[in-house]
């Protein structure tokens, strides 16, 4: 059995007339946190949306746990144990925090049917979710909405968590809180794939890294090695970590 929970092999994606991904090869090792880095427009978000079936791969193969999911519909992909937090967070602004959580817990018809022990653990990770439990989600701050988005994704056990830019626009204190939450998720054996622009965030959390440019992965390896190699950082990202 491969140690990679998710693999993309030669994946191409077209959106209308535009050819966005040009043969992406990506491996996400089981139980690790993989950072997906790259300049704006490199194809990172398109890669995540293609994994989830929101955009369809026009060529190549996507496998999850050894199962081919390349042409699977999004609900089926989610049903395999993959949770996706998009960059826009995707919360339901007119519903309360509680109602957002109940909707995400597919086995629950009301809050009392959510696993109580798991809910208390989520409250310990994101106290704002408990504090604003009965408030409309649309009234939350940006950081609180991001916490709710991740909380929804983990309200049920997931094998793979995919998150697009979790630290975007957040205050440093909230970023530290988010880092702590991902560290706890890793400790529980959850495999995580993160797109991130905050380099300090990537450096502190990443086990492995893949760097994209122009719709392909141009570098893959250890996050620690990339963080310690300034020349490689400049050549790949145009910056120093």
Protein backbone atom coordinates (compact mmCIF):
# COMPACT_ATOMS: atom_id res chain seq x y z
CA UNK A 1 0.00 0.00 0.00
CA UNK A 2 1.38 3.40 -0.99
CA UNK A 3 2.21 5.85 1.80
CA UNK A 4 0.53 8.53 -0.33
CA UNK A 5 -3.13 9.05 0.51
CA UNK A 6 -3.70 11.30 -2.52
CA UNK A 7 -1.87 11.32 -5.85
CA UNK A 8 -2.28 13.36 -9.01
CA UNK A 9 -0.60 12.01 -12.13
CA UNK A 10 -0.33 14.15 -15.26
CA UNK A 11 -3.49 16.11 -14.47
CA UNK A 12 -4.67 18.69 -17.00
CA UNK A 13 -7.61 21.02 -16.44
CA UNK A 14 -9.33 23.23 -18.97
CA UNK A 15 -11.78 25.94 -17.92
CA UNK A 16 -13.66 27.00 -21.01
CA UNK A 17 -11.05 27.94 -23.60
CA UNK A 18 -8.30 28.22 -20.97
CA UNK A 19 -5.79 25.45 -20.29
CA UNK A 20 -4.95 26.00 -16.58
CA UNK A 21 -3.22 22.82 -15.38
CA UNK A 22 -0.58 21.36 -17.71
CA UNK A 23 0.17 17.95 -16.25
CA UNK A 24 0.24 18.24 -12.45
CA UNK A 25 2.06 15.50 -10.54
CA UNK A 26 1.43 15.74 -6.81
CA UNK A 27 1.73 13.30 -3.91
CA UNK A 28 0.19 13.91 -0.48
CA UNK A 29 1.74 11.51 2.07
CA UNK A 30 -0.62 9.87 4.55
CA UNK A 31 -0.64 11.50 8.00
CA UNK A 32 1.46 14.50 6.95
CA UNK A 33 0.77 18.15 6.18
CA UNK A 34 1.65 19.05 2.60
CA UNK A 35 2.02 22.72 1.65
CA UNK A 36 1.14 23.75 -1.90
CA UNK A 37 3.00 26.97 -2.65
CA UNK A 38 3.42 29.19 -5.69
CA UNK A 39 2.92 32.64 -7.06
CA UNK A 40 -0.59 34.00 -7.72
CA UNK A 41 -2.03 32.39 -10.82
CA UNK A 42 0.23 29.34 -10.63
CA UNK A 43 -2.75 26.94 -10.56
CA UNK A 44 -3.01 26.09 -6.85
CA UNK A 45 -6.73 26.75 -6.37
CA UNK A 46 -7.52 25.07 -9.68
CA UNK A 47 -5.65 21.99 -8.44
CA UNK A 48 -7.78 21.85 -5.28
CA UNK A 49 -11.02 22.34 -7.19
CA UNK A 50 -10.01 19.63 -9.66
CA UNK A 51 -9.29 17.19 -6.82
CA UNK A 52 -12.81 17.86 -5.48
CA UNK A 53 -14.44 17.40 -8.89
CA UNK A 54 -15.70 20.99 -8.94
CA UNK A 55 -13.70 21.36 -12.14
CA UNK A 56 -13.16 18.21 -14.18
CA UNK A 57 -9.70 16.98 -15.15
CA UNK A 58 -9.44 16.80 -18.93
CA UNK A 59 -6.49 14.40 -18.77
CA UNK A 60 -4.53 12.45 -16.16
CA UNK A 61 -5.53 10.55 -13.01
CA UNK A 62 -6.44 11.47 -9.43
CA UNK A 63 -6.36 8.66 -6.84
CA UNK A 64 -7.47 8.77 -3.20
CA UNK A 65 -6.55 5.79 -1.03
CA UNK A 66 -5.74 3.89 -4.22
CA UNK A 67 -9.22 4.56 -5.68
CA UNK A 68 -9.54 6.46 -8.97
CA UNK A 69 -11.68 9.56 -8.31
CA UNK A 70 -10.80 11.48 -11.49
CA UNK A 71 -14.34 11.49 -12.87
CA UNK A 72 -16.23 11.03 -9.59
CA UNK A 73 -18.92 13.62 -8.71
CA UNK A 74 -18.14 16.01 -5.85
CA UNK A 75 -20.62 14.49 -3.32
CA UNK A 76 -19.06 11.06 -3.85
CA UNK A 77 -15.56 12.48 -3.35
CA UNK A 78 -16.64 14.19 -0.13
CA UNK A 79 -18.29 10.96 1.00
CA UNK A 80 -14.93 9.17 0.87
CA UNK A 81 -13.71 11.30 3.78
CA UNK A 82 -12.34 14.43 2.09
CA UNK A 83 -13.27 17.87 3.45
CA UNK A 84 -12.60 21.04 1.46
CA UNK A 85 -12.45 24.60 2.81
CA UNK A 86 -12.41 27.00 -0.17
CA UNK A 87 -10.72 30.39 -0.10
CA UNK A 88 -14.10 32.14 0.23
CA UNK A 89 -14.89 29.82 3.19
CA UNK A 90 -18.34 28.92 1.82
CA UNK A 91 -20.25 29.48 5.06
CA UNK A 92 -24.00 30.17 5.05
CA UNK A 93 -24.15 33.78 6.26
CA UNK A 94 -27.89 33.83 7.06
CA UNK A 95 -27.71 30.68 9.21
CA UNK A 96 -26.40 30.58 12.76
CA UNK A 97 -23.05 29.05 13.63
CA UNK A 98 -24.95 26.07 15.10
CA UNK A 99 -27.00 25.61 11.91
CA UNK A 100 -23.82 25.74 9.80
CA UNK A 101 -22.31 22.99 11.97
CA UNK A 102 -25.43 20.80 11.85
CA UNK A 103 -25.49 21.04 8.05
CA UNK A 104 -21.86 19.90 7.91
CA UNK A 105 -22.51 16.94 10.21
CA UNK A 106 -24.26 14.80 7.64
CA UNK A 107 -25.46 12.24 10.19
CA UNK A 108 -27.12 14.88 12.42
CA UNK A 109 -30.58 16.42 12.10
CA UNK A 110 -30.00 18.77 15.04
CA UNK A 111 -27.14 19.92 17.25
CA UNK A 112 -27.86 17.28 19.92
CA UNK A 113 -26.99 14.57 17.39
CA UNK A 114 -23.48 15.93 16.78
CA UNK A 115 -20.83 13.86 18.58
CA UNK A 116 -20.57 15.74 21.89
CA UNK A 117 -16.98 14.79 22.64
CA UNK A 118 -15.86 15.87 19.17
CA UNK A 119 -17.80 19.13 19.48
CA UNK A 120 -16.07 19.94 22.79
CA UNK A 121 -12.72 19.28 21.12
CA UNK A 122 -13.65 21.68 18.29
CA UNK A 123 -14.70 24.30 20.88
CA UNK A 124 -11.25 23.91 22.50
CA UNK A 125 -9.61 24.56 19.11
CA UNK A 126 -11.90 27.44 18.15
CA UNK A 127 -13.52 29.07 21.22
CA UNK A 128 -15.31 31.59 18.96
CA UNK A 129 -17.43 28.76 17.51
CA UNK A 130 -18.85 28.08 20.98
CA UNK A 131 -19.09 31.76 21.95
CA UNK A 132 -21.12 32.69 18.87
CA UNK A 133 -23.03 29.38 18.63
CA UNK A 134 -26.44 31.04 18.22
CA UNK A 135 -25.28 34.07 16.23
CA UNK A 136 -25.72 34.51 12.44
CA UNK A 137 -22.51 33.37 10.76
CA UNK A 138 -22.54 36.44 8.52
CA UNK A 139 -22.00 38.68 11.58
CA UNK A 140 -18.69 37.02 12.48
CA UNK A 141 -15.32 38.67 11.82
CA UNK A 142 -13.13 37.33 9.03
CA UNK A 143 -11.02 35.31 11.45
CA UNK A 144 -14.08 33.87 13.18
CA UNK A 145 -15.58 32.89 9.81
CA UNK A 146 -12.35 31.08 8.92
CA UNK A 147 -12.47 29.22 12.24
CA UNK A 148 -16.09 28.23 11.55
CA UNK A 149 -15.18 27.07 8.03
CA UNK A 150 -12.46 24.74 9.38
CA UNK A 151 -14.68 23.64 12.29
CA UNK A 152 -17.39 22.61 9.83
CA UNK A 153 -14.88 20.63 7.81
CA UNK A 154 -13.81 18.60 10.84
CA UNK A 155 -17.17 18.20 12.62
CA UNK A 156 -17.04 14.60 11.41
CA UNK A 157 -13.81 12.57 11.20
CA UNK A 158 -12.09 13.09 7.83
CA UNK A 159 -9.15 11.30 6.29
CA UNK A 160 -8.06 14.30 4.23
CA UNK A 161 -8.54 18.00 4.90
CA UNK A 162 -7.94 20.39 1.97
CA UNK A 163 -7.78 24.09 2.85
CA UNK A 164 -7.22 27.05 0.52
CA UNK A 165 -5.28 29.93 2.17
CA UNK A 166 -6.48 29.54 5.78
CA UNK A 167 -4.41 32.49 7.06
CA UNK A 168 -5.44 35.02 4.41
CA UNK A 169 -6.30 38.36 5.99
CA UNK A 170 -6.07 37.06 9.56
CA UNK A 171 -4.44 38.80 12.51
CA UNK A 172 -1.25 37.19 13.86
CA UNK A 173 -2.98 35.96 17.06
CA UNK A 174 -5.65 34.18 15.03
CA UNK A 175 -3.00 32.72 12.71
CA UNK A 176 -1.27 31.23 15.77
CA UNK A 177 -4.59 29.77 16.88
CA UNK A 178 -5.08 28.26 13.42
CA UNK A 179 -1.57 26.78 13.44
CA UNK A 180 -2.30 25.16 16.82
CA UNK A 181 -5.52 23.67 15.44
CA UNK A 182 -3.75 22.15 12.42
CA UNK A 183 -1.04 20.75 14.70
CA UNK A 184 -3.73 18.99 16.76
CA UNK A 185 -5.39 17.65 13.62
CA UNK A 186 -2.04 16.28 12.44
CA UNK A 187 -1.52 14.65 15.84
CA UNK A 188 -4.87 12.89 15.34
CA UNK A 189 -3.61 11.41 12.07
CA UNK A 190 -5.50 13.66 9.68
CA UNK A 191 -3.74 14.15 6.33
CA UNK A 192 -3.76 17.82 5.33
CA UNK A 193 -3.18 19.66 2.04
CA UNK A 194 -2.84 23.43 2.44
CA UNK A 195 -2.51 26.19 -0.12
CA UNK A 196 -0.82 29.08 1.66
CA UNK A 197 0.82 32.43 0.93
CA UNK A 198 1.95 33.10 4.50
CA UNK A 199 5.46 31.72 4.43
CA UNK A 200 5.91 31.65 8.21
CA UNK A 201 2.69 29.61 8.43
CA UNK A 202 4.05 27.19 5.82
CA UNK A 203 7.41 26.91 7.52
CA UNK A 204 5.93 26.13 10.94
CA UNK A 205 3.43 23.54 9.77
CA UNK A 206 4.62 21.87 6.59
CA UNK A 207 6.13 18.38 6.48
CA UNK A 208 6.34 18.22 2.70
CA UNK A 209 5.99 20.90 0.06
CA UNK A 210 5.10 21.18 -3.61
CA UNK A 211 5.71 24.40 -5.51
CA UNK A 212 3.62 25.23 -8.57
CA UNK A 213 4.33 27.53 -11.48
CA UNK A 214 2.42 27.94 -14.75
CA UNK A 215 0.10 25.01 -14.07
CA UNK A 216 2.70 22.39 -13.13
CA UNK A 217 4.56 21.29 -10.00
CA UNK A 218 8.13 22.51 -10.41
CA UNK A 219 9.51 21.33 -7.06
CA UNK A 220 8.51 18.74 -4.46
CA UNK A 221 10.29 17.68 -1.30
CA UNK A 222 10.80 18.42 2.38
CA UNK A 223 9.44 21.72 3.73
CA UNK A 224 12.42 21.91 6.11
CA UNK A 225 14.89 21.65 3.22
CA UNK A 226 13.15 24.41 1.26
CA UNK A 227 12.98 26.62 4.36
CA UNK A 228 16.75 26.28 4.83
CA UNK A 229 17.72 26.85 1.17
CA UNK A 230 17.45 30.56 0.35
CA UNK A 231 18.76 30.14 -3.18
CA UNK A 232 16.06 27.57 -3.95
CA UNK A 233 13.39 29.82 -2.42
CA UNK A 234 14.43 32.72 -4.63
CA UNK A 235 14.48 30.59 -7.77
CA UNK A 236 11.07 29.02 -7.05
CA UNK A 237 9.15 31.80 -5.33
CA UNK A 238 11.18 34.96 -5.78
CA UNK A 239 11.48 35.41 -2.02
CA UNK A 240 13.23 34.18 1.11
CA UNK A 241 11.33 32.33 3.79
